[in-house]
PDB file of N, CA and C in Angstrom:
ATOM      1  N   MET A   1     106.430  44.936  11.055  1.00  0.00           N
ATOM      2  CA  MET A   1     105.713  44.006  11.883  1.00  0.00           C
ATOM      3  C   MET A   1     106.681  42.921  12.340  1.00  0.00           C
ATOM      4  N   ALA A   2     106.849  42.798  13.604  1.00  0.00           N
ATOM      5  CA  ALA A   2     107.786  41.829  14.164  1.00  0.00           C
ATOM      6  C   ALA A   2     107.072  40.515  14.451  1.00  0.00           C
ATOM      7  N   THR A   3     107.805  39.437  14.282  1.00  0.00           N
ATOM      8  CA  THR A   3     107.246  38.130  14.604  1.00  0.00           C
ATOM      9  C   THR A   3     108.013  37.556  15.772  1.00  0.00           C
ATOM     10  N   ASP A   4     107.327  36.836  16.598  1.00  0.00           N
ATOM     11  CA  ASP A   4     107.938  36.209  17.762  1.00  0.00           C
ATOM     12  C   ASP A   4     108.158  34.740  17.435  1.00  0.00           C
ATOM     13  N   SER A   5     109.394  34.368  17.179  1.00  0.00           N
ATOM     14  CA  SER A   5     109.683  32.998  16.771  1.00  0.00           C
ATOM     15  C   SER A   5     109.630  32.021  17.938  1.00  0.00           C
ATOM     16  N   THR A   6     109.620  32.519  19.168  1.00  0.00           N
ATOM     17  CA  THR A   6     109.562  31.615  20.312  1.00  0.00           C
ATOM     18  C   THR A   6     108.129  31.221  20.651  1.00  0.00           C
ATOM     19  N   HIS A   7     107.160  31.953  20.111  1.00  0.00           N
ATOM     20  CA  HIS A   7     105.758  31.651  20.385  1.00  0.00           C
ATOM     21  C   HIS A   7     105.284  30.580  19.413  1.00  0.00           C
ATOM     22  N   SER A   8     104.829  29.471  19.936  1.00  0.00           N
ATOM     23  CA  SER A   8     104.335  28.406  19.061  1.00  0.00           C
ATOM     24  C   SER A   8     102.816  28.495  18.979  1.00  0.00           C
ATOM     25  N   THR A   9     102.326  28.407  17.776  1.00  0.00           N
ATOM     26  CA  THR A   9     100.878  28.440  17.594  1.00  0.00           C
ATOM     27  C   THR A   9     100.329  27.039  17.768  1.00  0.00           C
ATOM     28  N   SER A  10      99.195  26.936  18.417  1.00  0.00           N
ATOM     29  CA  SER A  10      98.612  25.617  18.634  1.00  0.00           C
ATOM     30  C   SER A  10      97.850  25.180  17.395  1.00  0.00           C
ATOM     31  N   GLN A  11      97.944  23.945  17.093  1.00  0.00           N
ATOM     32  CA  GLN A  11      97.249  23.368  15.951  1.00  0.00           C
ATOM     33  C   GLN A  11      95.915  22.811  16.423  1.00  0.00           C
ATOM     34  N   ILE A  12      94.970  22.715  15.524  1.00  0.00           N
ATOM     35  CA  ILE A  12      93.658  22.188  15.886  1.00  0.00           C
ATOM     36  C   ILE A  12      93.754  20.712  16.281  1.00  0.00           C
ATOM     37  N   ASP A  13      94.756  20.021  15.757  1.00  0.00           N
ATOM     38  CA  ASP A  13      94.910  18.604  16.098  1.00  0.00           C
ATOM     39  C   ASP A  13      95.247  18.389  17.564  1.00  0.00           C
ATOM     40  N   THR A  14      95.772  19.399  18.222  1.00  0.00           N
ATOM     41  CA  THR A  14      96.126  19.255  19.632  1.00  0.00           C
ATOM     42  C   THR A  14      95.007  19.729  20.554  1.00  0.00           C
ATOM     43  N   HIS A  15      93.881  20.126  20.005  1.00  0.00           N
ATOM     44  CA  HIS A  15      92.756  20.578  20.825  1.00  0.00           C
ATOM     45  C   HIS A  15      92.215  19.391  21.612  1.00  0.00           C
ATOM     46  N   PRO A  16      91.997  19.550  22.903  1.00  0.00           N
ATOM     47  CA  PRO A  16      91.586  18.401  23.721  1.00  0.00           C
ATOM     48  C   PRO A  16      90.190  17.867  23.400  1.00  0.00           C
ATOM     49  N   ASP A  17      89.317  18.695  22.916  1.00  0.00           N
ATOM     50  CA  ASP A  17      87.953  18.253  22.654  1.00  0.00           C
ATOM     51  C   ASP A  17      87.669  18.086  21.169  1.00  0.00           C
ATOM     52  N   LEU A  18      88.682  17.764  20.406  1.00  0.00           N
ATOM     53  CA  LEU A  18      88.530  17.686  18.957  1.00  0.00           C
ATOM     54  C   LEU A  18      87.474  16.671  18.535  1.00  0.00           C
ATOM     55  N   MET A  19      87.502  15.497  19.104  1.00  0.00           N
ATOM     56  CA  MET A  19      86.542  14.464  18.712  1.00  0.00           C
ATOM     57  C   MET A  19      85.121  14.847  19.119  1.00  0.00           C
ATOM     58  N   ALA A  20      84.969  15.472  20.277  1.00  0.00           N
ATOM     59  CA  ALA A  20      83.642  15.907  20.714  1.00  0.00           C
ATOM     60  C   ALA A  20      83.109  17.003  19.798  1.00  0.00           C
ATOM     61  N   LEU A  21      83.972  17.920  19.399  1.00  0.00           N
ATOM     62  CA  LEU A  21      83.561  18.987  18.490  1.00  0.00           C
ATOM     63  C   LEU A  21      83.148  18.423  17.139  1.00  0.00           C
ATOM     64  N   ARG A  22      83.942  17.505  16.620  1.00  0.00           N
ATOM     65  CA  ARG A  22      83.615  16.898  15.326  1.00  0.00           C
ATOM     66  C   ARG A  22      82.303  16.130  15.399  1.00  0.00           C
ATOM     67  N   GLY A  23      82.084  15.433  16.504  1.00  0.00           N
ATOM     68  CA  GLY A  23      80.836  14.690  16.678  1.00  0.00           C
ATOM     69  C   GLY A  23      79.628  15.599  16.723  1.00  0.00           C
ATOM     70  N   ARG A  24      79.757  16.704  17.455  1.00  0.00           N
ATOM     71  CA  ARG A  24      78.644  17.654  17.548  1.00  0.00           C
ATOM     72  C   ARG A  24      78.328  18.283  16.200  1.00  0.00           C
ATOM     73  N   TYR A  25      79.363  18.667  15.466  1.00  0.00           N
ATOM     74  CA  TYR A  25      79.147  19.281  14.152  1.00  0.00           C
ATOM     75  C   TYR A  25      78.572  18.276  13.161  1.00  0.00           C
ATOM     76  N   ALA A  26      79.016  17.033  13.219  1.00  0.00           N
ATOM     77  CA  ALA A  26      78.480  16.005  12.325  1.00  0.00           C
ATOM     78  C   ALA A  26      77.017  15.734  12.648  1.00  0.00           C
ATOM     79  N   GLU A  27      76.689  15.703  13.938  1.00  0.00           N
ATOM     80  CA  GLU A  27      75.305  15.475  14.348  1.00  0.00           C
ATOM     81  C   GLU A  27      74.408  16.634  13.916  1.00  0.00           C
ATOM     82  N   ALA A  28      74.899  17.844  14.067  1.00  0.00           N
ATOM     83  CA  ALA A  28      74.104  19.015  13.684  1.00  0.00           C
ATOM     84  C   ALA A  28      73.911  19.083  12.177  1.00  0.00           C
ATOM     85  N   SER A  29      74.924  18.718  11.416  1.00  0.00           N
ATOM     86  CA  SER A  29      74.800  18.802   9.957  1.00  0.00           C
ATOM     87  C   SER A  29      73.977  17.654   9.381  1.00  0.00           C
ATOM     88  N   ALA A  30      73.767  16.601  10.162  1.00  0.00           N
ATOM     89  CA  ALA A  30      72.980  15.471   9.678  1.00  0.00           C
ATOM     90  C   ALA A  30      71.482  15.703   9.835  1.00  0.00           C
ATOM     91  N   LYS A  31      71.090  16.718  10.597  1.00  0.00           N
ATOM     92  CA  LYS A  31      69.666  16.991  10.805  1.00  0.00           C
ATOM     93  C   LYS A  31      69.069  17.623   9.550  1.00  0.00           C
ATOM     94  N   PRO A  32      67.830  17.271   9.226  1.00  0.00           N
ATOM     95  CA  PRO A  32      67.194  17.823   8.022  1.00  0.00           C
ATOM     96  C   PRO A  32      67.013  19.337   8.080  1.00  0.00           C
ATOM     97  N   ILE A  33      66.826  19.892   9.260  1.00  0.00           N
ATOM     98  CA  ILE A  33      66.607  21.334   9.366  1.00  0.00           C
ATOM     99  C   ILE A  33      67.846  22.108   8.925  1.00  0.00           C
ATOM    100  N   SER A  34      69.028  21.537   9.127  1.00  0.00           N
ATOM    101  CA  SER A  34      70.245  22.237   8.703  1.00  0.00           C
ATOM    102  C   SER A  34      70.323  22.319   7.181  1.00  0.00           C
ATOM    103  N   GLY A  35      69.876  21.283   6.499  1.00  0.00           N
ATOM    104  CA  GLY A  35      69.833  21.327   5.040  1.00  0.00           C
ATOM    105  C   GLY A  35      68.823  22.336   4.538  1.00  0.00           C
ATOM    106  N   LEU A  36      67.694  22.430   5.232  1.00  0.00           N
ATOM    107  CA  LEU A  36      66.672  23.402   4.864  1.00  0.00           C
ATOM    108  C   LEU A  36      67.180  24.826   5.055  1.00  0.00           C
ATOM    109  N   ILE A  37      67.830  25.073   6.165  1.00  0.00           N
ATOM    110  CA  ILE A  37      68.369  26.413   6.435  1.00  0.00           C
ATOM    111  C   ILE A  37      69.457  26.762   5.429  1.00  0.00           C
ATOM    112  N   GLU A  38      70.312  25.802   5.124  1.00  0.00           N
ATOM    113  CA  GLU A  38      71.369  26.054   4.145  1.00  0.00           C
ATOM    114  C   GLU A  38      70.783  26.357   2.765  1.00  0.00           C
ATOM    115  N   GLY A  39      69.750  25.629   2.388  1.00  0.00           N
ATOM    116  CA  GLY A  39      69.095  25.884   1.111  1.00  0.00           C
ATOM    117  C   GLY A  39      68.439  27.252   1.063  1.00  0.00           C
ATOM    118  N   LEU A  40      67.772  27.641   2.151  1.00  0.00           N
ATOM    119  CA  LEU A  40      67.153  28.962   2.206  1.00  0.00           C
ATOM    120  C   LEU A  40      68.194  30.072   2.136  1.00  0.00           C
ATOM    121  N   CYS A  41      69.315  29.871   2.812  1.00  0.00           N
ATOM    122  CA  CYS A  41      70.394  30.869   2.752  1.00  0.00           C
ATOM    123  C   CYS A  41      70.955  30.972   1.335  1.00  0.00           C
ATOM    124  N   LEU A  42      71.094  29.856   0.672  1.00  0.00           N
ATOM    125  CA  LEU A  42      71.592  29.861  -0.704  1.00  0.00           C
ATOM    126  C   LEU A  42      70.633  30.598  -1.636  1.00  0.00           C
ATOM    127  N   LEU A  43      69.340  30.306  -1.510  1.00  0.00           N
ATOM    128  CA  LEU A  43      68.354  30.980  -2.348  1.00  0.00           C
ATOM    129  C   LEU A  43      68.275  32.472  -2.042  1.00  0.00           C
ATOM    130  N   THR A  44      68.380  32.833  -0.773  1.00  0.00           N
ATOM    131  CA  THR A  44      68.363  34.246  -0.398  1.00  0.00           C
ATOM    132  C   THR A  44      69.568  34.966  -0.976  1.00  0.00           C
ATOM    133  N   GLY A  45      70.727  34.362  -0.886  1.00  0.00           N
ATOM    134  CA  GLY A  45      71.933  34.960  -1.453  1.00  0.00           C
ATOM    135  C   GLY A  45      71.841  35.106  -2.959  1.00  0.00           C
ATOM    136  N   LEU A  46      71.286  34.097  -3.608  1.00  0.00           N
ATOM    137  CA  LEU A  46      71.107  34.169  -5.055  1.00  0.00           C
ATOM    138  C   LEU A  46      70.139  35.281  -5.434  1.00  0.00           C
ATOM    139  N   TYR A  47      69.041  35.403  -4.690  1.00  0.00           N
ATOM    140  CA  TYR A  47      68.074  36.464  -4.968  1.00  0.00           C
ATOM    141  C   TYR A  47      68.697  37.838  -4.755  1.00  0.00           C
ATOM    142  N   LEU A  48      69.462  37.985  -3.670  1.00  0.00           N
ATOM    143  CA  LEU A  48      70.113  39.270  -3.419  1.00  0.00           C
ATOM    144  C   LEU A  48      71.131  39.600  -4.503  1.00  0.00           C
ATOM    145  N   ALA A  49      71.758  38.585  -5.063  1.00  0.00           N
ATOM    146  CA  ALA A  49      72.746  38.826  -6.110  1.00  0.00           C
ATOM    147  C   ALA A  49      72.093  39.261  -7.422  1.00  0.00           C
ATOM    148  N   ILE A  50      70.916  38.714  -7.733  1.00  0.00           N
ATOM    149  CA  ILE A  50      70.289  39.047  -9.016  1.00  0.00           C
ATOM    150  C   ILE A  50      69.184  40.082  -8.898  1.00  0.00           C
ATOM    151  N   SER A  51      68.834  40.509  -7.682  1.00  0.00           N
ATOM    152  CA  SER A  51      67.705  41.426  -7.510  1.00  0.00           C
ATOM    153  C   SER A  51      67.860  42.755  -8.244  1.00  0.00           C
ATOM    154  N   PRO A  52      69.053  43.335  -8.380  1.00  0.00           N
ATOM    155  CA  PRO A  52      69.124  44.574  -9.164  1.00  0.00           C
ATOM    156  C   PRO A  52      68.661  44.388 -10.607  1.00  0.00           C
ATOM    157  N   TRP A  53      68.920  43.236 -11.190  1.00  0.00           N
ATOM    158  CA  TRP A  53      68.485  42.997 -12.559  1.00  0.00           C
ATOM    159  C   TRP A  53      66.997  42.666 -12.609  1.00  0.00           C
ATOM    160  N   VAL A  54      66.478  42.039 -11.552  1.00  0.00           N
ATOM    161  CA  VAL A  54      65.064  41.678 -11.514  1.00  0.00           C
ATOM    162  C   VAL A  54      64.191  42.930 -11.457  1.00  0.00           C
ATOM    163  N   VAL A  55      64.598  43.928 -10.654  1.00  0.00           N
ATOM    164  CA  VAL A  55      63.787  45.142 -10.504  1.00  0.00           C
ATOM    165  C   VAL A  55      64.260  46.254 -11.432  1.00  0.00           C
ATOM    166  N   ASN A  56      65.149  45.945 -12.358  1.00  0.00           N
ATOM    167  CA  ASN A  56      65.631  46.875 -13.391  1.00  0.00           C
ATOM    168  C   ASN A  56      66.295  48.132 -12.839  1.00  0.00           C
ATOM    169  N   PHE A  57      67.231  47.974 -11.945  1.00  0.00           N
ATOM    170  CA  PHE A  57      68.011  49.124 -11.458  1.00  0.00           C
ATOM    171  C   PHE A  57      69.130  49.419 -12.412  1.00  0.00           C
TER     172      PHE A  57
END
């Protein structure tokens, strides 16, 4: 696998809309519905992880 040393990878710090992106994500994560969805996803994942033992497979 060859690497191209002349190609520079862009860093996220140089993204032009970095502050707007951070603001949008902070606003979305501050809403109560996002906490509810995250909690439901966590409980669903936990249930899926233990379900074989719950139904005795």
